[in-house]
Amino acid sequence: MRILLIFLGTLAFTACKKENKTTEEAVETTTTIIAEANAWKMLFDGKTFEGWHIYMTENLPDDEWSIEDNAMVFNPNPNRTEGGKNIISDKEYTNFKLSLEWKISKGGNSGIFWGVKEDTNYKEAYETGPEIQVLDNINFLDTNSKHKAGALYDMVSPSKDTTKPIGEWNTCILYINHKTNEGNVWLNDVLIVKFPVNGKNWDEMVAHSKFKDWEGFGKFTTGKIGLQDHGNKVWYRNIKIQEL
């Protein structure tokens, strides 16, 4: 009888300990989720262009950029004679995770920049900022795999095409970490691109690209986020960032 009581007591203690551990794990998990959610900061409020401006000006995006249904929309004037309407964030970032949704017009082309240095030595944002490609893979006539949607433009091809049909939203997450020398791109929940972000391997990628003779390209660890005017209609929404 005594042995039975000891056994039952041990079982109850173990069960209690397990329950406490489960409770502690649940609290820890909840705390982590809340902390991660709080770490995200919206870069676009869905109503105004606060926090953004046209590259190398103090101007907010003009009539070719508008806000429709909580999305930034670039709708180029058919009579325009030049580009240069790239928009960039007011703030600079170094190590971060950027999340946004994009939708492109038929045959359209655009891009997401980071590491943009706003300086009179550089006429356009793309002269310094590397680009993650935004593209209609089906109807845009370019067979270079390093130019497809999600690619680190002209340097690293996506491992697969995970884009959604024209008219549907694509979710892109860009991870840049100079501390661990990691760059990753997820498109619609699939990791499709991995690359170094500094050092010898980064320099070699640039040297084998169209940017090899561009003085400032990819040189700035800290810079601004940019969205490209490539002369085609494009939509962006739910833009948020998490600094690492």
C-alpha atoms as a PDB file:
ATOM      1  CA  MET A   1       0.000   0.000   0.000  1.00  0.00           C
ATOM      2  CA  ARG A   2       2.819   2.348   0.927  1.00  0.00           C
ATOM      3  CA  ILE A   3       4.530   1.684  -2.404  1.00  0.00           C
ATOM      4  CA  LEU A   4       1.296   2.510  -4.222  1.00  0.00           C
ATOM      5  CA  LEU A   5       0.965   5.826  -2.371  1.00  0.00           C
ATOM      6  CA  ILE A   6       4.548   6.757  -3.192  1.00  0.00           C
ATOM      7  CA  PHE A   7       3.963   5.931  -6.868  1.00  0.00           C
ATOM      8  CA  LEU A   8       0.767   7.991  -7.013  1.00  0.00           C
ATOM      9  CA  GLY A   9       2.508  10.912  -5.329  1.00  0.00           C
ATOM     10  CA  THR A  10       5.391  10.799  -7.786  1.00  0.00           C
ATOM     11  CA  LEU A  11       2.954  10.648 -10.711  1.00  0.00           C
ATOM     12  CA  ALA A  12       1.021  13.661  -9.402  1.00  0.00           C
ATOM     13  CA  PHE A  13       4.248  15.640  -8.903  1.00  0.00           C
ATOM     14  CA  THR A  14       5.417  14.802 -12.435  1.00  0.00           C
ATOM     15  CA  ALA A  15       2.057  15.762 -13.924  1.00  0.00           C
ATOM     16  CA  CYS A  16       2.086  19.045 -12.002  1.00  0.00           C
ATOM     17  CA  LYS A  17       5.642  19.771 -13.104  1.00  0.00           C
ATOM     18  CA  LYS A  18       4.745  18.979 -16.732  1.00  0.00           C
ATOM     19  CA  GLU A  19       1.686  21.219 -16.534  1.00  0.00           C
ATOM     20  CA  ASN A  20       3.765  24.051 -15.123  1.00  0.00           C
ATOM     21  CA  LYS A  21       6.325  23.594 -17.886  1.00  0.00           C
ATOM     22  CA  THR A  22       3.589  23.621 -20.514  1.00  0.00           C
ATOM     23  CA  THR A  23       2.192  26.823 -19.006  1.00  0.00           C
ATOM     24  CA  GLU A  24       5.632  28.421 -18.960  1.00  0.00           C
ATOM     25  CA  GLU A  25       6.206  27.453 -22.598  1.00  0.00           C
ATOM     26  CA  ALA A  26       2.834  28.888 -23.573  1.00  0.00           C
ATOM     27  CA  VAL A  27       3.609  32.169 -21.817  1.00  0.00           C
ATOM     28  CA  GLU A  28       7.052  32.299 -23.430  1.00  0.00           C
ATOM     29  CA  THR A  29       5.602  31.620 -26.879  1.00  0.00           C
ATOM     30  CA  THR A  30       2.916  34.278 -26.410  1.00  0.00           C
ATOM     31  CA  THR A  31       5.506  36.793 -25.212  1.00  0.00           C
ATOM     32  CA  THR A  32       7.686  36.081 -28.258  1.00  0.00           C
ATOM     33  CA  ILE A  33       4.755  36.521 -30.646  1.00  0.00           C
ATOM     34  CA  ILE A  34       3.743  39.809 -29.016  1.00  0.00           C
ATOM     35  CA  ALA A  35       7.331  41.099 -29.026  1.00  0.00           C
ATOM     36  CA  GLU A  36       7.771  40.208 -32.684  1.00  0.00           C
ATOM     37  CA  ALA A  37       4.482  41.844 -33.625  1.00  0.00           C
ATOM     38  CA  ASN A  38       5.453  44.990 -31.730  1.00  0.00           C
ATOM     39  CA  ALA A  39       8.843  45.088 -33.463  1.00  0.00           C
ATOM     40  CA  TRP A  40       7.251  45.604 -36.868  1.00  0.00           C
ATOM     41  CA  LYS A  41       6.814  49.251 -37.849  1.00  0.00           C
ATOM     42  CA  MET A  42       4.549  50.359 -40.656  1.00  0.00           C
ATOM     43  CA  LEU A  43       6.324  52.299 -43.405  1.00  0.00           C
ATOM     44  CA  PHE A  44       3.063  53.182 -45.134  1.00  0.00           C
ATOM     45  CA  ASP A  45      -0.176  54.030 -43.315  1.00  0.00           C
ATOM     46  CA  GLY A  46      -2.399  53.299 -46.320  1.00  0.00           C
ATOM     47  CA  LYS A  47      -3.730  56.862 -46.356  1.00  0.00           C
ATOM     48  CA  THR A  48      -0.841  59.286 -46.904  1.00  0.00           C
ATOM     49  CA  PHE A  49       2.714  59.372 -48.232  1.00  0.00           C
ATOM     50  CA  GLU A  50       4.047  60.434 -44.849  1.00  0.00           C
ATOM     51  CA  GLY A  51       7.577  59.060 -44.459  1.00  0.00           C
ATOM     52  CA  TRP A  52       8.258  58.982 -48.227  1.00  0.00           C
ATOM     53  CA  HIS A  53       9.547  61.429 -50.816  1.00  0.00           C
ATOM     54  CA  ILE A  54      10.762  61.603 -54.394  1.00  0.00           C
ATOM     55  CA  TYR A  55      14.468  60.777 -54.581  1.00  0.00           C
ATOM     56  CA  MET A  56      16.745  63.838 -54.231  1.00  0.00           C
ATOM     57  CA  THR A  57      13.864  66.228 -53.562  1.00  0.00           C
ATOM     58  CA  GLU A  58      11.834  67.233 -50.548  1.00  0.00           C
ATOM     59  CA  ASN A  59       8.643  66.568 -52.467  1.00  0.00           C
ATOM     60  CA  LEU A  60       6.045  63.995 -51.627  1.00  0.00           C
ATOM     61  CA  PRO A  61       5.078  61.744 -54.550  1.00  0.00           C
ATOM     62  CA  ASP A  62       3.164  63.764 -57.171  1.00  0.00           C
ATOM     63  CA  ASP A  63       0.176  63.082 -59.391  1.00  0.00           C
ATOM     64  CA  GLU A  64       1.685  59.934 -60.944  1.00  0.00           C
ATOM     65  CA  TRP A  65       1.748  58.368 -57.484  1.00  0.00           C
ATOM     66  CA  SER A  66      -1.582  58.047 -55.730  1.00  0.00           C
ATOM     67  CA  ILE A  67      -3.271  56.076 -52.961  1.00  0.00           C
ATOM     68  CA  GLU A  68      -6.119  53.717 -53.825  1.00  0.00           C
ATOM     69  CA  ASP A  69      -7.700  51.150 -51.511  1.00  0.00           C
ATOM     70  CA  ASN A  70      -4.845  51.431 -48.967  1.00  0.00           C
ATOM     71  CA  ALA A  71      -2.191  50.898 -51.648  1.00  0.00           C
ATOM     72  CA  MET A  72       0.465  53.113 -53.202  1.00  0.00           C
ATOM     73  CA  VAL A  73      -0.135  53.198 -56.937  1.00  0.00           C
ATOM     74  CA  PHE A  74       2.262  54.412 -59.607  1.00  0.00           C
ATOM     75  CA  ASN A  75       0.315  55.249 -62.746  1.00  0.00           C
ATOM     76  CA  PRO A  76       2.643  56.897 -65.300  1.00  0.00           C
ATOM     77  CA  ASN A  77       1.425  59.753 -67.430  1.00  0.00           C
ATOM     78  CA  PRO A  78       1.247  58.438 -71.028  1.00  0.00           C
ATOM     79  CA  ASN A  79       2.696  61.759 -72.241  1.00  0.00           C
ATOM     80  CA  ARG A  80       5.658  61.754 -69.874  1.00  0.00           C
ATOM     81  CA  THR A  81       9.043  62.457 -71.411  1.00  0.00           C
ATOM     82  CA  GLU A  82      11.296  61.224 -68.595  1.00  0.00           C
ATOM     83  CA  GLY A  83      11.340  59.006 -65.532  1.00  0.00           C
ATOM     84  CA  GLY A  84      12.943  59.820 -62.244  1.00  0.00           C
ATOM     85  CA  LYS A  85       9.869  59.368 -60.044  1.00  0.00           C
ATOM     86  CA  ASN A  86      11.440  56.746 -57.774  1.00  0.00           C
ATOM     87  CA  ILE A  87      10.275  57.205 -54.183  1.00  0.00           C
ATOM     88  CA  ILE A  88      12.315  56.471 -51.079  1.00  0.00           C
ATOM     89  CA  SER A  89      11.803  56.296 -47.336  1.00  0.00           C
ATOM     90  CA  ASP A  90      12.711  59.283 -45.191  1.00  0.00           C
ATOM     91  CA  LYS A  91      14.581  57.003 -42.782  1.00  0.00           C
ATOM     92  CA  GLU A  92      17.705  54.915 -43.331  1.00  0.00           C
ATOM     93  CA  TYR A  93      18.077  51.267 -42.325  1.00  0.00           C
ATOM     94  CA  THR A  94      20.994  48.855 -41.916  1.00  0.00           C
ATOM     95  CA  ASN A  95      19.877  45.399 -40.735  1.00  0.00           C
ATOM     96  CA  PHE A  96      16.199  44.677 -41.231  1.00  0.00           C
ATOM     97  CA  LYS A  97      13.367  42.518 -42.450  1.00  0.00           C
ATOM     98  CA  LEU A  98      11.105  44.328 -44.939  1.00  0.00           C
ATOM     99  CA  SER A  99       7.662  42.969 -45.768  1.00  0.00           C
ATOM    100  CA  LEU A 100       5.309  44.285 -48.440  1.00  0.00           C
ATOM    101  CA  GLU A 101       2.756  43.225 -51.032  1.00  0.00           C
ATOM    102  CA  TRP A 102       3.039  44.154 -54.692  1.00  0.00           C
ATOM    103  CA  LYS A 103       0.893  43.828 -57.784  1.00  0.00           C
ATOM    104  CA  ILE A 104       2.098  44.625 -61.296  1.00  0.00           C
ATOM    105  CA  SER A 105       0.324  45.597 -64.517  1.00  0.00           C
ATOM    106  CA  LYS A 106       0.439  43.396 -67.612  1.00  0.00           C
ATOM    107  CA  GLY A 107       3.965  43.472 -69.030  1.00  0.00           C
ATOM    108  CA  GLY A 108       5.000  45.676 -66.129  1.00  0.00           C
ATOM    109  CA  ASN A 109       8.340  46.178 -64.407  1.00  0.00           C
ATOM    110  CA  SER A 110       9.293  47.799 -61.097  1.00  0.00           C
ATOM    111  CA  GLY A 111      11.586  47.080 -58.171  1.00  0.00           C
ATOM    112  CA  ILE A 112      12.343  47.346 -54.474  1.00  0.00           C
ATOM    113  CA  PHE A 113      15.604  49.064 -53.499  1.00  0.00           C
ATOM    114  CA  TRP A 114      17.562  49.095 -50.267  1.00  0.00           C
ATOM    115  CA  GLY A 115      20.819  50.768 -49.256  1.00  0.00           C
ATOM    116  CA  VAL A 116      19.921  53.866 -51.263  1.00  0.00           C
ATOM    117  CA  LYS A 117      22.313  56.775 -50.649  1.00  0.00           C
ATOM    118  CA  GLU A 118      20.708  60.140 -51.274  1.00  0.00           C
ATOM    119  CA  ASP A 119      23.569  62.217 -52.623  1.00  0.00           C
ATOM    120  CA  THR A 120      24.054  64.736 -55.430  1.00  0.00           C
ATOM    121  CA  ASN A 121      26.742  62.435 -56.861  1.00  0.00           C
ATOM    122  CA  TYR A 122      24.004  59.955 -57.785  1.00  0.00           C
ATOM    123  CA  LYS A 123      21.190  61.055 -60.079  1.00  0.00           C
ATOM    124  CA  GLU A 124      18.935  58.032 -59.466  1.00  0.00           C
ATOM    125  CA  ALA A 125      18.185  55.750 -56.521  1.00  0.00           C
ATOM    126  CA  TYR A 126      19.284  52.680 -58.488  1.00  0.00           C
ATOM    127  CA  GLU A 127      22.819  54.024 -58.836  1.00  0.00           C
ATOM    128  CA  THR A 128      23.491  52.992 -55.228  1.00  0.00           C
ATOM    129  CA  GLY A 129      20.600  50.763 -54.163  1.00  0.00           C
ATOM    130  CA  PRO A 130      20.525  47.071 -55.134  1.00  0.00           C
ATOM    131  CA  GLU A 131      17.129  45.937 -56.419  1.00  0.00           C
ATOM    132  CA  ILE A 132      14.744  43.077 -55.838  1.00  0.00           C
ATOM    133  CA  GLN A 133      12.863  42.700 -59.113  1.00  0.00           C
ATOM    134  CA  VAL A 134       9.114  43.246 -59.431  1.00  0.00           C
ATOM    135  CA  LEU A 135       7.929  41.913 -62.781  1.00  0.00           C
ATOM    136  CA  ASP A 136       5.225  40.326 -64.875  1.00  0.00           C
ATOM    137  CA  ASN A 137       7.257  37.209 -65.696  1.00  0.00           C
ATOM    138  CA  ILE A 138       4.838  36.085 -68.390  1.00  0.00           C
ATOM    139  CA  ASN A 139       4.437  39.182 -70.525  1.00  0.00           C
ATOM    140  CA  PHE A 140       7.634  41.159 -69.960  1.00  0.00           C
ATOM    141  CA  LEU A 141      10.033  40.186 -72.728  1.00  0.00           C
ATOM    142  CA  ASP A 142      13.260  39.373 -70.917  1.00  0.00           C
ATOM    143  CA  THR A 143      14.601  35.817 -70.796  1.00  0.00           C
ATOM    144  CA  ASN A 144      17.451  36.562 -68.383  1.00  0.00           C
ATOM    145  CA  SER A 145      16.681  34.590 -65.214  1.00  0.00           C
ATOM    146  CA  LYS A 146      18.510  37.219 -63.137  1.00  0.00           C
ATOM    147  CA  HIS A 147      15.851  39.717 -64.223  1.00  0.00           C
ATOM    148  CA  LYS A 148      12.811  37.683 -63.122  1.00  0.00           C
ATOM    149  CA  ALA A 149      10.479  38.580 -60.266  1.00  0.00           C
ATOM    150  CA  GLY A 150      12.175  38.184 -56.902  1.00  0.00           C
ATOM    151  CA  ALA A 151      15.697  38.171 -58.353  1.00  0.00           C
ATOM    152  CA  LEU A 152      18.501  40.222 -56.883  1.00  0.00           C
ATOM    153  CA  TYR A 153      18.507  42.122 -60.134  1.00  0.00           C
ATOM    154  CA  ASP A 154      21.273  41.120 -62.554  1.00  0.00           C
ATOM    155  CA  MET A 155      23.114  39.202 -59.833  1.00  0.00           C
ATOM    156  CA  VAL A 156      21.123  36.274 -58.405  1.00  0.00           C
ATOM    157  CA  SER A 157      18.288  34.356 -60.084  1.00  0.00           C
ATOM    158  CA  PRO A 158      15.267  33.137 -58.112  1.00  0.00           C
ATOM    159  CA  SER A 159      15.263  29.357 -57.544  1.00  0.00           C
ATOM    160  CA  LYS A 160      11.710  29.131 -58.893  1.00  0.00           C
ATOM    161  CA  ASP A 161       8.835  31.244 -60.169  1.00  0.00           C
ATOM    162  CA  THR A 162       6.372  31.706 -57.289  1.00  0.00           C
ATOM    163  CA  THR A 163       4.550  34.740 -58.680  1.00  0.00           C
ATOM    164  CA  LYS A 164       0.765  34.886 -58.755  1.00  0.00           C
ATOM    165  CA  PRO A 165      -1.274  35.705 -61.872  1.00  0.00           C
ATOM    166  CA  ILE A 166      -1.618  39.313 -63.025  1.00  0.00           C
ATOM    167  CA  GLY A 167      -4.129  41.148 -60.869  1.00  0.00           C
ATOM    168  CA  GLU A 168      -3.258  39.224 -57.697  1.00  0.00           C
ATOM    169  CA  TRP A 169      -1.113  40.387 -54.804  1.00  0.00           C
ATOM    170  CA  ASN A 170       2.345  38.943 -54.169  1.00  0.00           C
ATOM    171  CA  THR A 171       3.925  39.010 -50.707  1.00  0.00           C
ATOM    172  CA  CYS A 172       7.640  39.757 -50.651  1.00  0.00           C
ATOM    173  CA  ILE A 173       9.933  39.635 -47.621  1.00  0.00           C
ATOM    174  CA  LEU A 174      13.469  40.972 -47.902  1.00  0.00           C
ATOM    175  CA  TYR A 175      15.969  40.093 -45.151  1.00  0.00           C
ATOM    176  CA  ILE A 176      19.220  42.064 -44.964  1.00  0.00           C
ATOM    177  CA  ASN A 177      21.697  41.368 -42.163  1.00  0.00           C
ATOM    178  CA  HIS A 178      25.212  42.786 -42.419  1.00  0.00           C
ATOM    179  CA  LYS A 179      26.164  41.286 -39.051  1.00  0.00           C
ATOM    180  CA  THR A 180      25.711  37.735 -40.358  1.00  0.00           C
ATOM    181  CA  ASN A 181      26.338  38.664 -44.032  1.00  0.00           C
ATOM    182  CA  GLU A 182      22.970  37.292 -45.135  1.00  0.00           C
ATOM    183  CA  GLY A 183      20.451  38.426 -47.704  1.00  0.00           C
ATOM    184  CA  ASN A 184      17.267  36.455 -48.358  1.00  0.00           C
ATOM    185  CA  VAL A 185      14.133  36.947 -50.430  1.00  0.00           C
ATOM    186  CA  TRP A 186      10.844  35.156 -49.846  1.00  0.00           C
ATOM    187  CA  LEU A 187       8.108  35.482 -52.446  1.00  0.00           C
ATOM    188  CA  ASN A 188       4.702  34.160 -51.473  1.00  0.00           C
ATOM    189  CA  ASP A 189       6.124  32.207 -48.509  1.00  0.00           C
ATOM    190  CA  VAL A 190       8.897  30.525 -50.518  1.00  0.00           C
ATOM    191  CA  LEU A 191      12.595  31.294 -50.007  1.00  0.00           C
ATOM    192  CA  ILE A 192      13.770  31.888 -53.580  1.00  0.00           C
ATOM    193  CA  VAL A 193      16.985  33.922 -53.301  1.00  0.00           C
ATOM    194  CA  LYS A 194      19.986  33.863 -50.945  1.00  0.00           C
ATOM    195  CA  PHE A 195      23.069  36.066 -51.210  1.00  0.00           C
ATOM    196  CA  PRO A 196      25.875  37.689 -49.186  1.00  0.00           C
ATOM    197  CA  VAL A 197      25.457  41.402 -48.544  1.00  0.00           C
ATOM    198  CA  ASN A 198      29.070  42.478 -48.068  1.00  0.00           C
ATOM    199  CA  GLY A 199      32.683  41.373 -48.397  1.00  0.00           C
ATOM    200  CA  LYS A 200      34.536  39.532 -51.133  1.00  0.00           C
ATOM    201  CA  ASN A 201      31.603  37.425 -52.349  1.00  0.00           C
ATOM    202  CA  TRP A 202      29.365  40.471 -52.670  1.00  0.00           C
ATOM    203  CA  ASP A 203      32.088  42.335 -54.572  1.00  0.00           C
ATOM    204  CA  GLU A 204      32.482  39.394 -56.954  1.00  0.00           C
ATOM    205  CA  MET A 205      28.742  39.345 -57.710  1.00  0.00           C
ATOM    206  CA  VAL A 206      28.794  43.052 -58.507  1.00  0.00           C
ATOM    207  CA  ALA A 207      31.904  42.612 -60.668  1.00  0.00           C
ATOM    208  CA  HIS A 208      30.048  40.075 -62.833  1.00  0.00           C
ATOM    209  CA  SER A 209      26.967  42.287 -63.254  1.00  0.00           C
ATOM    210  CA  LYS A 210      26.022  45.384 -65.237  1.00  0.00           C
ATOM    211  CA  PHE A 211      26.904  47.408 -62.141  1.00  0.00           C
ATOM    212  CA  LYS A 212      30.622  46.567 -62.152  1.00  0.00           C
ATOM    213  CA  ASP A 213      31.703  50.089 -63.135  1.00  0.00           C
ATOM    214  CA  TRP A 214      29.102  51.935 -61.061  1.00  0.00           C
ATOM    215  CA  GLU A 215      31.064  53.840 -58.448  1.00  0.00           C
ATOM    216  CA  GLY A 216      28.542  53.801 -55.602  1.00  0.00           C
ATOM    217  CA  PHE A 217      26.506  50.693 -56.322  1.00  0.00           C
ATOM    218  CA  GLY A 218      25.963  48.473 -53.276  1.00  0.00           C
ATOM    219  CA  LYS A 219      28.606  50.351 -51.326  1.00  0.00           C
ATOM    220  CA  PHE A 220      26.442  51.713 -48.519  1.00  0.00           C
ATOM    221  CA  THR A 221      25.655  49.476 -45.561  1.00  0.00           C
ATOM    222  CA  THR A 222      23.082  51.960 -44.286  1.00  0.00           C
ATOM    223  CA  GLY A 223      20.582  53.497 -46.694  1.00  0.00           C
ATOM    224  CA  LYS A 224      16.983  54.144 -47.606  1.00  0.00           C
ATOM    225  CA  ILE A 225      14.264  51.857 -48.933  1.00  0.00           C
ATOM    226  CA  GLY A 226      13.037  52.692 -52.442  1.00  0.00           C
ATOM    227  CA  LEU A 227      10.255  51.798 -54.886  1.00  0.00           C
ATOM    228  CA  GLN A 228      10.972  52.083 -58.580  1.00  0.00           C
ATOM    229  CA  ASP A 229       9.399  54.104 -61.336  1.00  0.00           C
ATOM    230  CA  HIS A 230      10.050  51.961 -64.403  1.00  0.00           C
ATOM    231  CA  GLY A 231       7.315  53.550 -66.475  1.00  0.00           C
ATOM    232  CA  ASN A 232       4.696  50.859 -65.719  1.00  0.00           C
ATOM    233  CA  LYS A 233       1.698  50.800 -63.400  1.00  0.00           C
ATOM    234  CA  VAL A 234       2.413  49.075 -60.102  1.00  0.00           C
ATOM    235  CA  TRP A 235       0.784  48.784 -56.675  1.00  0.00           C
ATOM    236  CA  TYR A 236       2.367  48.438 -53.204  1.00  0.00           C
ATOM    237  CA  ARG A 237       0.664  47.960 -49.849  1.00  0.00           C
ATOM    238  CA  ASN A 238       1.124  46.652 -46.283  1.00  0.00           C
ATOM    239  CA  ILE A 239       4.697  47.963 -46.199  1.00  0.00           C
ATOM    240  CA  LYS A 240       6.370  47.318 -42.862  1.00  0.00           C
ATOM    241  CA  ILE A 241       9.874  46.883 -41.481  1.00  0.00           C
ATOM    242  CA  GLN A 242      11.496  45.133 -38.554  1.00  0.00           C
ATOM    243  CA  GLU A 243      14.961  46.353 -37.591  1.00  0.00           C
ATOM    244  CA  LEU A 244      17.360  43.640 -36.442  1.00  0.00           C
END
